[in-house]
Protein backbone atom coordinates (compact mmCIF):
# COMPACT_ATOMS: atom_id res chain seq x y z
CA MET A 1 -9.16 -39.78 -13.56
CA TRP A 2 -11.67 -42.28 -11.55
CA THR A 3 -13.58 -44.62 -13.45
CA TRP A 4 -16.94 -46.28 -11.88
CA THR A 5 -16.65 -50.24 -12.29
CA GLY A 6 -19.54 -51.11 -10.59
CA GLN A 7 -17.66 -52.75 -7.48
CA ALA A 8 -17.67 -50.50 -4.90
CA ARG A 9 -18.42 -46.88 -3.93
CA PRO A 10 -15.82 -44.38 -5.30
CA PRO A 11 -13.01 -43.16 -2.54
CA PHE A 12 -14.82 -39.77 -2.83
CA ALA A 13 -18.44 -40.75 -2.12
CA GLN A 14 -19.98 -39.24 0.96
CA VAL A 15 -20.63 -42.10 3.98
CA PRO A 16 -24.28 -42.21 4.04
CA SER A 17 -26.01 -42.08 7.43
CA ALA A 18 -28.49 -44.53 9.20
CA THR A 19 -31.24 -42.84 7.34
CA GLN A 20 -29.76 -41.99 3.91
CA GLU A 21 -28.99 -43.78 0.66
CA SER A 22 -25.90 -43.55 -1.25
CA VAL A 23 -26.30 -42.33 -4.87
CA TRP A 24 -23.39 -44.88 -5.77
CA ASP A 25 -25.06 -47.91 -4.69
CA TYR A 26 -28.04 -47.22 -6.76
CA PRO A 27 -27.15 -49.45 -10.18
CA ARG A 28 -26.71 -49.31 -13.69
CA PRO A 29 -28.83 -49.72 -15.62
CA PRO A 30 -31.16 -47.98 -13.03
CA VAL A 31 -34.29 -49.31 -11.42
CA ILE A 32 -37.71 -48.05 -10.84
CA ARG A 33 -39.20 -47.89 -7.10
CA ALA A 34 -42.71 -46.85 -5.74
CA ASP A 35 -42.58 -44.27 -3.49
CA THR A 36 -45.67 -43.52 -1.09
CA ARG A 37 -44.22 -40.38 0.37
CA ASP A 38 -46.27 -37.53 -0.02
CA VAL A 39 -44.97 -35.45 -3.34
CA VAL A 40 -46.48 -32.16 -4.30
CA VAL A 41 -45.18 -29.67 -7.12
CA ARG A 42 -45.99 -26.10 -7.43
CA VAL A 43 -45.54 -23.37 -10.10
CA GLY A 44 -46.74 -19.95 -9.16
CA GLY A 45 -48.38 -20.72 -6.23
CA ILE A 46 -50.55 -23.10 -8.01
CA GLU A 47 -50.43 -26.99 -6.53
CA ILE A 48 -50.49 -28.88 -9.97
CA VAL A 49 -49.44 -32.10 -8.43
CA ARG A 50 -50.24 -34.07 -5.60
CA THR A 51 -49.47 -37.70 -5.04
CA ARG A 52 -48.38 -40.57 -3.03
CA ARG A 53 -48.04 -42.90 -5.74
CA ALA A 54 -44.69 -41.55 -7.65
CA LEU A 55 -41.98 -43.64 -8.97
CA ARG A 56 -38.67 -43.04 -8.28
CA LEU A 57 -35.71 -43.88 -10.92
CA LEU A 58 -32.78 -44.66 -9.18
CA GLU A 59 -29.23 -44.48 -10.90
CA THR A 60 -25.45 -44.72 -10.12
CA ALA A 61 -24.18 -40.97 -9.30
CA SER A 62 -27.75 -39.29 -9.55
CA PRO A 63 -30.12 -38.01 -7.17
CA PRO A 64 -33.65 -39.87 -7.89
CA GLY A 65 -35.70 -38.94 -10.42
CA PHE A 66 -39.25 -38.84 -9.62
CA TYR A 67 -42.02 -39.61 -12.00
CA LEU A 68 -45.16 -38.33 -10.92
CA PRO A 69 -48.84 -39.84 -12.41
CA PHE A 70 -50.48 -37.50 -14.77
CA ASP A 71 -54.05 -38.89 -13.07
CA ASP A 72 -52.72 -36.70 -9.90
CA CYS A 73 -51.62 -33.72 -12.21
CA LEU A 74 -53.46 -30.85 -13.10
CA ARG A 75 -53.36 -31.52 -16.88
CA ASP A 76 -54.25 -28.32 -17.84
CA ALA A 77 -51.04 -26.78 -17.01
CA PHE A 78 -48.67 -29.32 -18.99
CA ILE A 79 -48.79 -28.49 -22.45
CA PRO A 80 -46.93 -30.42 -25.18
CA ALA A 81 -43.30 -28.71 -26.04
CA ALA A 82 -41.28 -28.71 -29.08
CA GLY A 83 -38.37 -30.97 -29.35
CA SER A 84 -37.37 -34.78 -27.55
CA SER A 85 -34.33 -36.50 -26.39
CA GLN A 86 -32.74 -40.06 -26.58
CA CYS A 87 -32.23 -42.05 -23.47
CA GLU A 88 -30.30 -45.09 -23.70
CA TRP A 89 -32.26 -46.58 -21.05
CA LYS A 90 -35.73 -45.28 -21.48
CA GLY A 91 -36.32 -44.41 -24.96
CA SER A 92 -37.34 -40.70 -26.47
CA ALA A 93 -38.74 -38.27 -24.14
CA GLN A 94 -41.03 -36.19 -24.88
CA TYR A 95 -40.81 -32.49 -23.13
CA TRP A 96 -43.93 -30.29 -21.40
CA THR A 97 -44.30 -26.58 -21.18
CA ILE A 98 -45.61 -25.93 -17.63
CA THR A 99 -48.46 -22.95 -17.05
CA ALA A 100 -49.90 -21.94 -13.81
CA GLY A 101 -50.35 -18.90 -11.79
CA GLY A 102 -49.75 -16.69 -14.50
CA LEU A 103 -45.91 -18.19 -15.27
CA ARG A 104 -45.30 -20.55 -18.18
CA LEU A 105 -42.18 -22.71 -17.92
CA PRO A 106 -40.87 -24.08 -21.39
CA ARG A 107 -39.71 -27.70 -21.15
CA ALA A 108 -39.85 -28.04 -17.31
CA GLY A 109 -40.98 -31.23 -17.12
CA TRP A 110 -40.39 -34.43 -19.42
CA SER A 111 -42.58 -37.87 -20.19
CA TYR A 112 -41.62 -41.42 -22.12
CA GLU A 113 -44.96 -41.91 -23.93
CA ASP A 114 -43.73 -45.76 -24.79
CA PRO A 115 -40.88 -46.47 -22.58
CA ALA A 116 -38.40 -48.94 -23.37
CA GLY A 117 -38.22 -52.54 -21.89
CA PRO A 118 -38.20 -52.64 -17.92
CA PHE A 119 -39.21 -49.04 -18.02
CA GLY A 120 -42.75 -49.38 -19.03
CA ALA A 121 -43.92 -48.47 -15.95
CA LEU A 122 -42.95 -44.75 -16.68
CA ALA A 123 -45.84 -44.63 -19.25
CA GLY A 124 -48.33 -42.15 -17.78
CA HIS A 125 -46.24 -40.11 -15.79
CA VAL A 126 -44.45 -36.90 -15.82
CA ALA A 127 -40.90 -35.91 -14.11
CA VAL A 128 -40.44 -31.77 -13.42
CA TYR A 129 -37.52 -30.02 -12.81
CA ALA A 130 -36.76 -28.75 -9.79
CA THR A 131 -34.82 -25.69 -11.38
CA GLN A 132 -38.34 -24.56 -12.70
CA ALA A 133 -40.90 -25.79 -10.17
CA GLU A 134 -41.19 -25.71 -6.30
CA CYS A 135 -41.19 -29.52 -5.71
CA PHE A 136 -41.75 -30.92 -2.16
CA VAL A 137 -41.31 -34.44 -0.42
CA ASP A 138 -42.95 -35.28 2.43
CA GLY A 139 -42.83 -31.44 3.06
CA GLU A 140 -39.14 -30.83 2.37
CA ARG A 141 -38.67 -28.76 -0.14
CA VAL A 142 -36.41 -30.34 -3.18
CA ARG A 143 -33.03 -29.21 -4.28
CA PRO A 144 -32.49 -29.32 -8.22
CA GLN A 145 -29.62 -31.62 -9.09
CA ASP A 146 -26.51 -29.67 -10.21
CA GLY A 147 -26.11 -28.79 -13.83
CA GLY A 148 -28.57 -27.72 -16.30
CA PHE A 149 -29.46 -31.28 -17.86
CA TYR A 150 -30.12 -33.80 -15.13
CA GLY A 151 -33.40 -33.88 -13.43
CA GLY A 152 -32.94 -35.50 -10.20
CA TRP A 153 -34.42 -34.30 -6.80
CA VAL A 154 -32.10 -34.04 -4.04
CA THR A 155 -33.08 -34.53 -0.36
CA ASP A 156 -31.85 -35.12 2.76
CA ASP A 157 -32.25 -38.75 2.56
CA ILE A 158 -29.25 -39.39 -0.12
CA ALA A 159 -25.73 -38.91 -0.14
CA GLY A 160 -23.76 -37.61 -2.69
CA PRO A 161 -21.69 -36.48 -4.60
CA TRP A 162 -23.56 -36.78 -7.58
CA LYS A 163 -22.97 -35.83 -11.53
CA GLY A 164 -24.12 -32.68 -13.09
CA ALA A 165 -21.51 -30.64 -10.64
CA ALA A 166 -17.98 -29.25 -12.13
CA GLY A 167 -15.76 -31.56 -12.54
CA SER A 168 -18.39 -34.62 -12.59
CA GLY A 169 -18.27 -35.03 -16.29
CA GLY A 170 -16.04 -38.10 -16.32
CA TRP A 171 -18.06 -40.28 -14.12
């Protein structure tokens, strides 16, 4: 089994084109980068988010996670959901049920109300699973990260492979 040491891309990593980033060049621990592209999220035909103030969380071997300011959300569409999870970097996540357009999507979003250390910028933002909602970045329909747990957004401007797919459990 190959183990990532942070020294170079693994031998199985795709070579990014001139217009792509490799998820294998993202750091660990992750970093946050501002993203001014037009990000839109729709549920049941209703636009629940439109922003040019997204934050992208970049972490080795994973498509970017997009965190969207609650101030740019249709706030009534987000209802606190039961349960939480713990991230070794960001702290305790709260989950959100999204309701819009006659749909109710349990635990379709998550946020960090009191994020740890350098991730404080995530406070006041929410992430949405692309498996649950229609998500777009500059008009491109986002594809969800493989697997049921991770919430990365796959767009044409990243190269993989990324964790979540079958056989990636050891990364």
